[in-house]
C-alpha atoms as a PDB file:
ATOM      1  CA  MET A   1       0.000   0.000   0.000  1.00  0.00           C
ATOM      2  CA  SER A   2       1.415   3.406  -0.989  1.00  0.00           C
ATOM      3  CA  SER A   3       1.867   6.272   1.466  1.00  0.00           C
ATOM      4  CA  GLU A   4      -1.084   8.092  -0.106  1.00  0.00           C
ATOM      5  CA  GLU A   5      -3.341   5.081   0.368  1.00  0.00           C
ATOM      6  CA  LEU A   6      -2.388   4.857   4.059  1.00  0.00           C
ATOM      7  CA  ILE A   7      -3.759   8.347   4.818  1.00  0.00           C
ATOM      8  CA  PRO A   8      -7.450   8.415   5.873  1.00  0.00           C
ATOM      9  CA  LYS A   9      -9.672  10.630   3.741  1.00  0.00           C
ATOM     10  CA  LYS A  10     -12.490  11.037   6.297  1.00  0.00           C
ATOM     11  CA  LEU A  11     -12.407  12.059   9.952  1.00  0.00           C
ATOM     12  CA  GLU A  12     -14.121   8.860  11.096  1.00  0.00           C
ATOM     13  CA  GLU A  13     -11.433   6.768   9.384  1.00  0.00           C
ATOM     14  CA  TRP A  14      -8.702   8.073  11.695  1.00  0.00           C
ATOM     15  CA  THR A  15      -7.930   5.408  14.304  1.00  0.00           C
ATOM     16  CA  TYR A  16      -5.038   4.594  16.619  1.00  0.00           C
ATOM     17  CA  GLU A  17      -4.057   1.664  14.394  1.00  0.00           C
ATOM     18  CA  ARG A  18      -4.010   3.834  11.265  1.00  0.00           C
ATOM     19  CA  ILE A  19      -1.933   6.523  12.959  1.00  0.00           C
ATOM     20  CA  LYS A  20       0.476   3.904  14.274  1.00  0.00           C
ATOM     21  CA  ILE A  21       0.985   2.633  10.708  1.00  0.00           C
ATOM     22  CA  LEU A  22       1.612   6.174   9.407  1.00  0.00           C
ATOM     23  CA  VAL A  23       4.102   6.878  12.190  1.00  0.00           C
ATOM     24  CA  GLY A  24       5.808   3.537  11.611  1.00  0.00           C
ATOM     25  CA  ASN A  25       6.200   4.351   7.936  1.00  0.00           C
ATOM     26  CA  ASN A  26       7.333   7.913   8.767  1.00  0.00           C
ATOM     27  CA  VAL A  27       4.435   9.396   6.774  1.00  0.00           C
ATOM     28  CA  ASN A  28       4.409  12.528   8.876  1.00  0.00           C
ATOM     29  CA  GLU A  29       3.200  15.094   6.351  1.00  0.00           C
ATOM     30  CA  SER A  30       1.227  15.149   3.111  1.00  0.00           C
ATOM     31  CA  ASP A  31      -1.087  17.418   1.154  1.00  0.00           C
ATOM     32  CA  ILE A  32      -3.987  16.397   3.432  1.00  0.00           C
ATOM     33  CA  HIS A  33      -2.454  15.773   6.874  1.00  0.00           C
ATOM     34  CA  ASP A  34       0.127  17.017   9.322  1.00  0.00           C
ATOM     35  CA  PHE A  35       1.412  15.691  12.676  1.00  0.00           C
ATOM     36  CA  LYS A  36       1.873  18.060  15.620  1.00  0.00           C
ATOM     37  CA  THR A  37       3.160  17.498  19.155  1.00  0.00           C
ATOM     38  CA  ASP A  38       0.418  19.741  20.593  1.00  0.00           C
ATOM     39  CA  ILE A  39      -1.666  22.701  19.480  1.00  0.00           C
ATOM     40  CA  PRO A  40       0.869  24.857  17.591  1.00  0.00           C
ATOM     41  CA  GLU A  41       1.462  28.520  18.229  1.00  0.00           C
ATOM     42  CA  GLY A  42      -0.899  30.881  16.450  1.00  0.00           C
ATOM     43  CA  GLU A  43       1.280  31.802  13.488  1.00  0.00           C
ATOM     44  CA  GLY A  44       2.077  28.217  12.530  1.00  0.00           C
ATOM     45  CA  LEU A  45      -1.453  26.920  13.110  1.00  0.00           C
ATOM     46  CA  THR A  46      -2.974  29.775  11.117  1.00  0.00           C
ATOM     47  CA  LYS A  47      -0.608  29.066   8.246  1.00  0.00           C
ATOM     48  CA  ASP A  48      -1.505  25.349   8.229  1.00  0.00           C
ATOM     49  CA  CYS A  49      -5.254  25.966   8.450  1.00  0.00           C
ATOM     50  CA  CYS A  50      -5.192  28.583   5.684  1.00  0.00           C
ATOM     51  CA  ALA A  51      -3.262  26.186   3.450  1.00  0.00           C
ATOM     52  CA  PHE A  52      -5.699  23.308   4.021  1.00  0.00           C
ATOM     53  CA  ALA A  53      -8.790  25.533   3.687  1.00  0.00           C
ATOM     54  CA  ASN A  54      -7.429  27.071   0.458  1.00  0.00           C
ATOM     55  CA  THR A  55      -6.542  23.770  -1.228  1.00  0.00           C
ATOM     56  CA  LYS A  56      -8.635  20.657  -0.596  1.00  0.00           C
ATOM     57  CA  GLY A  57      -8.962  20.378   3.155  1.00  0.00           C
ATOM     58  CA  GLY A  58      -6.854  18.334   5.538  1.00  0.00           C
ATOM     59  CA  PHE A  59      -6.255  16.873   8.999  1.00  0.00           C
ATOM     60  CA  ILE A  60      -4.108  18.149  11.848  1.00  0.00           C
ATOM     61  CA  VAL A  61      -3.201  15.314  14.230  1.00  0.00           C
ATOM     62  CA  LEU A  62      -2.096  16.325  17.732  1.00  0.00           C
ATOM     63  CA  GLY A  63      -0.006  14.101  19.976  1.00  0.00           C
ATOM     64  CA  ILE A  64       2.753  12.983  17.576  1.00  0.00           C
ATOM     65  CA  ARG A  65       6.263  14.105  18.569  1.00  0.00           C
ATOM     66  CA  PRO A  66       9.335  14.224  16.334  1.00  0.00           C
ATOM     67  CA  LYS A  67      12.223  12.038  17.552  1.00  0.00           C
ATOM     68  CA  ASP A  68      15.543  11.269  15.840  1.00  0.00           C
ATOM     69  CA  MET A  69      14.328  12.338  12.363  1.00  0.00           C
ATOM     70  CA  GLN A  70      11.187  10.249  12.837  1.00  0.00           C
ATOM     71  CA  PHE A  71       7.985  10.512  14.862  1.00  0.00           C
ATOM     72  CA  GLU A  72       6.515   8.775  17.889  1.00  0.00           C
ATOM     73  CA  ILE A  73       3.084   8.627  19.486  1.00  0.00           C
ATOM     74  CA  LYS A  74       3.103  10.549  22.783  1.00  0.00           C
ATOM     75  CA  GLY A  75      -0.441  11.915  23.063  1.00  0.00           C
ATOM     76  CA  ILE A  76      -1.718  15.013  24.835  1.00  0.00           C
ATOM     77  CA  GLU A  77      -3.932  15.649  27.832  1.00  0.00           C
ATOM     78  CA  ASN A  78      -7.633  15.334  27.021  1.00  0.00           C
ATOM     79  CA  SER A  79      -9.748  18.395  27.728  1.00  0.00           C
ATOM     80  CA  SER A  80     -13.180  19.771  26.913  1.00  0.00           C
ATOM     81  CA  GLU A  81     -11.393  23.015  26.001  1.00  0.00           C
ATOM     82  CA  LEU A  82      -9.362  21.545  23.119  1.00  0.00           C
ATOM     83  CA  ARG A  83     -11.579  22.871  20.351  1.00  0.00           C
ATOM     84  CA  HIS A  84     -11.775  26.306  21.980  1.00  0.00           C
ATOM     85  CA  ARG A  85      -7.999  26.513  22.471  1.00  0.00           C
ATOM     86  CA  PHE A  86      -7.425  25.343  18.896  1.00  0.00           C
ATOM     87  CA  GLY A  87      -9.836  27.893  17.437  1.00  0.00           C
ATOM     88  CA  GLN A  88      -8.465  30.778  19.493  1.00  0.00           C
ATOM     89  CA  LYS A  89      -5.064  30.414  17.859  1.00  0.00           C
ATOM     90  CA  ILE A  90      -6.366  30.592  14.277  1.00  0.00           C
ATOM     91  CA  ASN A  91      -6.156  34.217  13.153  1.00  0.00           C
ATOM     92  CA  ALA A  92      -7.327  34.290   9.541  1.00  0.00           C
ATOM     93  CA  ILE A  93      -9.670  36.239   7.304  1.00  0.00           C
ATOM     94  CA  PRO A  94     -12.258  35.185   6.414  1.00  0.00           C
ATOM     95  CA  THR A  95     -12.785  33.069   9.556  1.00  0.00           C
ATOM     96  CA  ILE A  96     -11.971  29.386   9.032  1.00  0.00           C
ATOM     97  CA  ASP A  97     -14.706  26.977  10.116  1.00  0.00           C
ATOM     98  CA  PHE A  98     -13.994  23.531  11.536  1.00  0.00           C
ATOM     99  CA  GLY A  99     -15.967  20.977  13.499  1.00  0.00           C
ATOM    100  CA  LEU A 100     -15.446  18.964  16.652  1.00  0.00           C
ATOM    101  CA  PRO A 101     -12.195  16.975  16.717  1.00  0.00           C
ATOM    102  CA  LYS A 102     -11.996  13.208  16.923  1.00  0.00           C
ATOM    103  CA  ILE A 103     -10.515  12.041  20.239  1.00  0.00           C
ATOM    104  CA  ILE A 104      -8.574   8.770  19.962  1.00  0.00           C
ATOM    105  CA  GLY A 105      -7.503   6.826  23.022  1.00  0.00           C
ATOM    106  CA  ILE A 106      -3.952   5.470  23.369  1.00  0.00           C
ATOM    107  CA  PRO A 107      -3.674   1.930  24.786  1.00  0.00           C
ATOM    108  CA  ASP A 108      -2.298   1.834  28.352  1.00  0.00           C
ATOM    109  CA  SER A 109      -2.193   5.632  28.575  1.00  0.00           C
ATOM    110  CA  GLN A 110      -4.314   8.444  30.026  1.00  0.00           C
ATOM    111  CA  LYS A 111      -3.360  10.633  27.090  1.00  0.00           C
ATOM    112  CA  VAL A 112      -5.112  10.835  23.735  1.00  0.00           C
ATOM    113  CA  LEU A 113      -4.554  11.670  20.097  1.00  0.00           C
ATOM    114  CA  VAL A 114      -6.692  14.464  18.665  1.00  0.00           C
ATOM    115  CA  VAL A 115      -7.589  14.888  14.983  1.00  0.00           C
ATOM    116  CA  PHE A 116      -8.967  18.186  13.681  1.00  0.00           C
ATOM    117  CA  TYR A 117     -10.438  18.358  10.180  1.00  0.00           C
ATOM    118  CA  ILE A 118     -10.091  21.635   8.271  1.00  0.00           C
ATOM    119  CA  PRO A 119     -12.455  21.429   5.273  1.00  0.00           C
ATOM    120  CA  LEU A 120     -11.979  23.008   1.868  1.00  0.00           C
ATOM    121  CA  SER A 121     -13.548  26.398   2.442  1.00  0.00           C
ATOM    122  CA  PRO A 122     -16.290  27.887   0.256  1.00  0.00           C
ATOM    123  CA  GLU A 123     -15.019  31.327   1.365  1.00  0.00           C
ATOM    124  CA  ARG A 124     -11.460  30.758   0.173  1.00  0.00           C
ATOM    125  CA  PRO A 125      -8.911  32.187  -0.228  1.00  0.00           C
ATOM    126  CA  HIS A 126      -7.993  32.717   3.443  1.00  0.00           C
ATOM    127  CA  ILE A 127      -5.027  34.722   4.650  1.00  0.00           C
ATOM    128  CA  PRO A 128      -3.445  35.344   8.099  1.00  0.00           C
ATOM    129  CA  THR A 129      -4.708  38.520   9.763  1.00  0.00           C
ATOM    130  CA  THR A 130      -1.257  39.623  10.961  1.00  0.00           C
ATOM    131  CA  ILE A 131      -0.250  42.373   8.522  1.00  0.00           C
ATOM    132  CA  ASN A 132       3.378  41.337   8.005  1.00  0.00           C
ATOM    133  CA  LYS A 133       2.376  37.655   7.638  1.00  0.00           C
ATOM    134  CA  ARG A 134      -0.264  38.110   4.968  1.00  0.00           C
ATOM    135  CA  ILE A 135       0.647  35.394   2.508  1.00  0.00           C
ATOM    136  CA  PHE A 136      -1.858  33.219   0.664  1.00  0.00           C
ATOM    137  CA  TRP A 137      -0.887  29.620   1.447  1.00  0.00           C
ATOM    138  CA  LYS A 138      -1.693  26.386  -0.351  1.00  0.00           C
ATOM    139  CA  ARG A 139      -1.006  22.790   0.658  1.00  0.00           C
ATOM    140  CA  THR A 140       1.188  20.384  -1.331  1.00  0.00           C
ATOM    141  CA  ASN A 141       2.833  17.020  -0.697  1.00  0.00           C
ATOM    142  CA  THR A 142       5.843  18.846   0.714  1.00  0.00           C
ATOM    143  CA  GLY A 143       3.898  21.098   3.093  1.00  0.00           C
ATOM    144  CA  ASN A 144       2.749  24.710   2.863  1.00  0.00           C
ATOM    145  CA  GLU A 145       3.721  26.813  -0.138  1.00  0.00           C
ATOM    146  CA  GLN A 146       2.872  30.306  -1.277  1.00  0.00           C
ATOM    147  CA  MET A 147       0.131  30.504  -3.879  1.00  0.00           C
ATOM    148  CA  THR A 148       1.101  31.986  -7.208  1.00  0.00           C
ATOM    149  CA  TYR A 149      -0.481  35.179  -8.493  1.00  0.00           C
ATOM    150  CA  ASP A 150      -2.608  33.206 -10.966  1.00  0.00           C
ATOM    151  CA  GLU A 151      -3.797  30.842  -8.205  1.00  0.00           C
ATOM    152  CA  ILE A 152      -4.802  33.766  -5.989  1.00  0.00           C
ATOM    153  CA  ARG A 153      -6.627  35.472  -8.851  1.00  0.00           C
ATOM    154  CA  MET A 154      -8.476  32.263  -9.748  1.00  0.00           C
ATOM    155  CA  ASN A 155      -9.564  31.746  -6.138  1.00  0.00           C
ATOM    156  CA  PHE A 156     -10.986  35.258  -5.957  1.00  0.00           C
ATOM    157  CA  GLN A 157     -12.754  34.826  -9.292  1.00  0.00           C
ATOM    158  CA  ASN A 158     -14.330  31.581  -8.112  1.00  0.00           C
ATOM    159  CA  TYR A 159     -15.412  33.231  -4.851  1.00  0.00           C
ATOM    160  CA  GLU A 160     -17.052  36.113  -6.702  1.00  0.00           C
ATOM    161  CA  GLU A 161     -18.850  33.667  -8.991  1.00  0.00           C
ATOM    162  CA  ARG A 162     -20.279  31.850  -5.973  1.00  0.00           C
ATOM    163  CA  ARG A 163     -21.311  35.177  -4.435  1.00  0.00           C
ATOM    164  CA  GLU A 164     -23.128  36.159  -7.632  1.00  0.00           C
ATOM    165  CA  LYS A 165     -25.020  32.878  -7.564  1.00  0.00           C
ATOM    166  CA  LEU A 166     -26.048  33.536  -3.953  1.00  0.00           C
ATOM    167  CA  LYS A 167     -27.419  36.895  -5.099  1.00  0.00           C
ATOM    168  CA  LEU A 168     -29.360  35.174  -7.877  1.00  0.00           C
ATOM    169  CA  LEU A 169     -30.762  32.699  -5.353  1.00  0.00           C
ATOM    170  CA  TYR A 170     -31.863  35.615  -3.177  1.00  0.00           C
ATOM    171  CA  LEU A 171     -33.615  37.314  -6.099  1.00  0.00           C
ATOM    172  CA  GLU A 172     -35.320  34.080  -7.115  1.00  0.00           C
ATOM    173  CA  LEU A 173     -36.624  33.498  -3.586  1.00  0.00           C
ATOM    174  CA  LEU A 174     -37.824  37.093  -3.408  1.00  0.00           C
ATOM    175  CA  SER A 175     -39.597  36.761  -6.767  1.00  0.00           C
ATOM    176  CA  ASN A 176     -41.342  33.525  -5.784  1.00  0.00           C
ATOM    177  CA  LYS A 177     -42.397  35.011  -2.431  1.00  0.00           C
ATOM    178  CA  GLN A 178     -43.948  38.018  -4.169  1.00  0.00           C
ATOM    179  CA  GLN A 179     -45.659  35.835  -6.768  1.00  0.00           C
ATOM    180  CA  LEU A 180     -47.075  33.577  -4.073  1.00  0.00           C
ATOM    181  CA  GLU A 181     -48.446  36.572  -2.162  1.00  0.00           C
ATOM    182  CA  SER A 182     -50.069  37.878  -5.370  1.00  0.00           C
ATOM    183  CA  MET A 183     -52.033  34.634  -5.676  1.00  0.00           C
ATOM    184  CA  ARG A 184     -54.083  35.335  -2.540  1.00  0.00           C
ATOM    185  CA  ALA A 185     -57.826  35.382  -3.246  1.00  0.00           C
ATOM    186  CA  PRO A 186     -59.481  38.628  -2.041  1.00  0.00           C
ATOM    187  CA  GLU A 187     -61.927  38.380   0.844  1.00  0.00           C
ATOM    188  CA  GLY A 188     -65.510  38.043  -0.313  1.00  0.00           C
ATOM    189  CA  SER A 189     -64.655  36.609  -3.728  1.00  0.00           C
ATOM    190  CA  ILE A 190     -62.973  33.332  -2.869  1.00  0.00           C
ATOM    191  CA  GLU A 191     -65.386  31.436  -5.138  1.00  0.00           C
ATOM    192  CA  GLY A 192     -65.498  34.017  -7.881  1.00  0.00           C
ATOM    193  CA  ILE A 193     -61.982  34.634  -9.212  1.00  0.00           C
ATOM    194  CA  TYR A 194     -58.641  32.884  -9.232  1.00  0.00           C
ATOM    195  CA  SER A 195     -55.050  33.771  -9.996  1.00  0.00           C
ATOM    196  CA  LEU A 196     -53.362  32.853 -13.268  1.00  0.00           C
ATOM    197  CA  VAL A 197     -49.918  33.049 -11.643  1.00  0.00           C
ATOM    198  CA  SER A 198     -47.719  29.981 -11.091  1.00  0.00           C
ATOM    199  CA  LEU A 199     -44.355  29.575  -9.402  1.00  0.00           C
ATOM    200  CA  ASP A 200     -41.035  28.461 -10.867  1.00  0.00           C
ATOM    201  CA  SER A 201     -38.425  26.330  -9.078  1.00  0.00           C
ATOM    202  CA  THR A 202     -36.154  25.797 -12.111  1.00  0.00           C
ATOM    203  CA  VAL A 203     -33.616  28.450 -11.158  1.00  0.00           C
ATOM    204  CA  ILE A 204     -33.669  27.411  -7.492  1.00  0.00           C
ATOM    205  CA  ASP A 205     -33.012  23.791  -8.528  1.00  0.00           C
ATOM    206  CA  THR A 206     -29.923  24.855 -10.480  1.00  0.00           C
ATOM    207  CA  LEU A 207     -28.579  27.322  -7.934  1.00  0.00           C
ATOM    208  CA  LEU A 208     -28.950  24.977  -4.956  1.00  0.00           C
ATOM    209  CA  SER A 209     -26.293  22.642  -6.310  1.00  0.00           C
ATOM    210  CA  ASP A 210     -24.047  25.559  -7.299  1.00  0.00           C
ATOM    211  CA  VAL A 211     -24.076  27.304  -3.908  1.00  0.00           C
ATOM    212  CA  TYR A 212     -24.402  24.272  -1.642  1.00  0.00           C
ATOM    213  CA  SER A 213     -20.761  24.442  -0.523  1.00  0.00           C
ATOM    214  CA  MET A 214     -21.359  27.987   0.755  1.00  0.00           C
ATOM    215  CA  ILE A 215     -24.599  27.300   2.646  1.00  0.00           C
ATOM    216  CA  ALA A 216     -24.003  23.703   3.788  1.00  0.00           C
ATOM    217  CA  LYS A 217     -22.976  24.730   7.317  1.00  0.00           C
ATOM    218  CA  ASN A 218     -26.373  26.434   7.787  1.00  0.00           C
ATOM    219  CA  SER A 219     -28.589  23.358   8.066  1.00  0.00           C
ATOM    220  CA  ASN A 220     -31.754  25.377   8.733  1.00  0.00           C
ATOM    221  CA  LEU A 221     -31.303  27.344   5.516  1.00  0.00           C
ATOM    222  CA  VAL A 222     -30.663  24.173   3.513  1.00  0.00           C
ATOM    223  CA  LYS A 223     -33.791  22.519   4.968  1.00  0.00           C
ATOM    224  CA  SER A 224     -35.867  25.616   4.232  1.00  0.00           C
ATOM    225  CA  LEU A 225     -34.711  25.771   0.616  1.00  0.00           C
ATOM    226  CA  MET A 226     -35.365  22.060   0.075  1.00  0.00           C
ATOM    227  CA  ASN A 227     -38.830  22.457   1.597  1.00  0.00           C
ATOM    228  CA  LEU A 228     -39.645  25.504  -0.524  1.00  0.00           C
ATOM    229  CA  ARG A 229     -38.516  23.769  -3.686  1.00  0.00           C
ATOM    230  CA  SER A 230     -40.744  20.797  -2.881  1.00  0.00           C
ATOM    231  CA  GLN A 231     -43.742  22.968  -1.985  1.00  0.00           C
ATOM    232  CA  ILE A 232     -43.443  25.006  -5.199  1.00  0.00           C
ATOM    233  CA  ARG A 233     -43.838  21.759  -7.126  1.00  0.00           C
ATOM    234  CA  VAL A 234     -46.847  20.788  -5.013  1.00  0.00           C
ATOM    235  CA  ILE A 235     -48.508  24.143  -5.690  1.00  0.00           C
ATOM    236  CA  ASN A 236     -47.826  24.025  -9.429  1.00  0.00           C
ATOM    237  CA  ASN A 237     -49.188  20.479  -9.711  1.00  0.00           C
ATOM    238  CA  LYS A 238     -52.307  21.571  -7.846  1.00  0.00           C
ATOM    239  CA  ILE A 239     -52.719  24.537 -10.211  1.00  0.00           C
ATOM    240  CA  LYS A 240     -52.485  22.263 -13.259  1.00  0.00           C
ATOM    241  CA  VAL A 241     -55.186  19.972 -11.886  1.00  0.00           C
ATOM    242  CA  PHE A 242     -57.358  22.976 -11.050  1.00  0.00           C
ATOM    243  CA  TYR A 243     -57.072  24.417 -14.577  1.00  0.00           C
ATOM    244  CA  THR A 244     -58.152  21.067 -16.011  1.00  0.00           C
ATOM    245  CA  GLN A 245     -61.153  20.818 -13.683  1.00  0.00           C
ATOM    246  CA  VAL A 246     -62.361  24.393 -14.073  1.00  0.00           C
ATOM    247  CA  ALA A 247     -62.266  24.111 -17.872  1.00  0.00           C
ATOM    248  CA  LEU A 248     -64.867  21.338 -17.866  1.00  0.00           C
ATOM    249  CA  PRO A 249     -68.347  22.756 -18.638  1.00  0.00           C
ATOM    250  CA  THR A 250     -70.171  20.310 -16.359  1.00  0.00           C
ATOM    251  CA  THR A 251     -68.259  21.105 -13.185  1.00  0.00           C
ATOM    252  CA  ASN A 252     -69.355  23.314 -10.324  1.00  0.00           C
ATOM    253  CA  GLN A 253     -66.833  26.040 -11.026  1.00  0.00           C
ATOM    254  CA  ARG A 254     -67.599  28.176  -7.973  1.00  0.00           C
ATOM    255  CA  GLN A 255     -67.105  25.281  -5.583  1.00  0.00           C
ATOM    256  CA  ILE A 256     -63.898  24.118  -7.298  1.00  0.00           C
ATOM    257  CA  THR A 257     -62.582  27.694  -7.393  1.00  0.00           C
ATOM    258  CA  GLY A 258     -63.355  28.164  -3.716  1.00  0.00           C
ATOM    259  CA  GLN A 259     -61.554  24.954  -2.726  1.00  0.00           C
ATOM    260  CA  HIS A 260     -58.567  25.884  -4.872  1.00  0.00           C
ATOM    261  CA  ASN A 261     -58.304  29.376  -3.395  1.00  0.00           C
ATOM    262  CA  GLU A 262     -58.543  27.997   0.130  1.00  0.00           C
ATOM    263  CA  PHE A 263     -55.617  25.692  -0.690  1.00  0.00           C
ATOM    264  CA  ILE A 264     -53.567  28.566  -2.143  1.00  0.00           C
ATOM    265  CA  ASN A 265     -54.334  30.876   0.787  1.00  0.00           C
ATOM    266  CA  GLY A 266     -53.269  28.129   3.181  1.00  0.00           C
ATOM    267  CA  LYS A 267     -49.984  27.670   1.338  1.00  0.00           C
ATOM    268  CA  ILE A 268     -49.385  31.424   1.448  1.00  0.00           C
ATOM    269  CA  GLU A 269     -49.773  31.422   5.236  1.00  0.00           C
ATOM    270  CA  GLU A 270     -47.475  28.397   5.513  1.00  0.00           C
ATOM    271  CA  LEU A 271     -44.705  29.348   3.090  1.00  0.00           C
ATOM    272  CA  VAL A 272     -44.327  33.137   3.173  1.00  0.00           C
ATOM    273  CA  PRO A 273     -42.674  33.017   6.641  1.00  0.00           C
ATOM    274  CA  ILE A 274     -40.281  30.312   5.368  1.00  0.00           C
ATOM    275  CA  PHE A 275     -39.406  32.426   2.321  1.00  0.00           C
ATOM    276  CA  GLN A 276     -38.805  35.419   4.578  1.00  0.00           C
ATOM    277  CA  ALA A 277     -36.648  33.431   7.006  1.00  0.00           C
ATOM    278  CA  ALA A 278     -34.467  32.191   4.120  1.00  0.00           C
ATOM    279  CA  LEU A 279     -34.127  35.724   2.741  1.00  0.00           C
ATOM    280  CA  THR A 280     -33.221  37.080   6.186  1.00  0.00           C
ATOM    281  CA  THR A 281     -30.559  34.389   6.629  1.00  0.00           C
ATOM    282  CA  LEU A 282     -28.980  35.283   3.284  1.00  0.00           C
ATOM    283  CA  GLU A 283     -29.025  38.952   4.280  1.00  0.00           C
ATOM    284  CA  ASN A 284     -27.523  38.430   7.739  1.00  0.00           C
ATOM    285  CA  ASP A 285     -25.141  35.501   7.238  1.00  0.00           C
ATOM    286  CA  PHE A 286     -23.979  36.203   3.681  1.00  0.00           C
ATOM    287  CA  LYS A 287     -24.423  39.999   3.504  1.00  0.00           C
ATOM    288  CA  ILE A 288     -26.781  39.796   0.532  1.00  0.00           C
ATOM    289  CA  LYS A 289     -28.744  43.018   0.135  1.00  0.00           C
ATOM    290  CA  ASP A 290     -32.329  43.390  -1.037  1.00  0.00           C
ATOM    291  CA  PRO A 291     -32.037  45.392  -4.293  1.00  0.00           C
ATOM    292  CA  LEU A 292     -35.600  46.653  -3.897  1.00  0.00           C
ATOM    293  CA  SER A 293     -34.812  48.324  -0.571  1.00  0.00           C
ATOM    294  CA  GLN A 294     -31.808  50.284  -1.841  1.00  0.00           C
END
């Protein structure tokens, strides 16, 4: 098995046995992992995290100490404050997100190994906040390297493209919310008239896959968007059935129209708050502005 094949690709795959094999084969550093004795000082940790977040993500394994040009498993003291201490030492812009570490017990020892996963960031490129240390880092098989001008430019272009798609998603949600509100049947004429408006989830379908990496950490927003997409389809299918029924000359059109409008009004009450919550999240968490309020 090659050195690359020995390195776990998922956080849950990191085990004591796997780390022991990597240490035994002196696979101490790669493009997706790095061994550390303990939580590094801020400058070094920030550099590592920026490099992983800017490239393809990676793992920082704490508790492995260099010895005689090789490494050995020593472990560190377990603590509920590990994640907090780790995060406090990362000084980068934009902020680098990471989850809970995996704590791995060491046989016959009170100490543990700790694995932090730094994911590929949708907000890349990241850079240290310290003014005289502001270098854009990337991760390679030989460690951290400075990004080239073209790599930096490409990262910023990709970021701006994702931001533009978030803006399009915002506008599409706003449009569907307004269209849904326009479908409300006026009081006193619920059996007399009906709206000819329908909704469209085509753009939302496309944009969801394009911007997922940016919104994935906000599970409530993702659930809301999935729900809205599904409900738009439900409403449109109901409208199609209604048009077919109301066109038949033998049907009781007033009764069918009344039932249809009651359904639409109910969906308006149900979905408008969800639309608004999604729009507010995009405004607050992603700094998307409502063009109609400017």
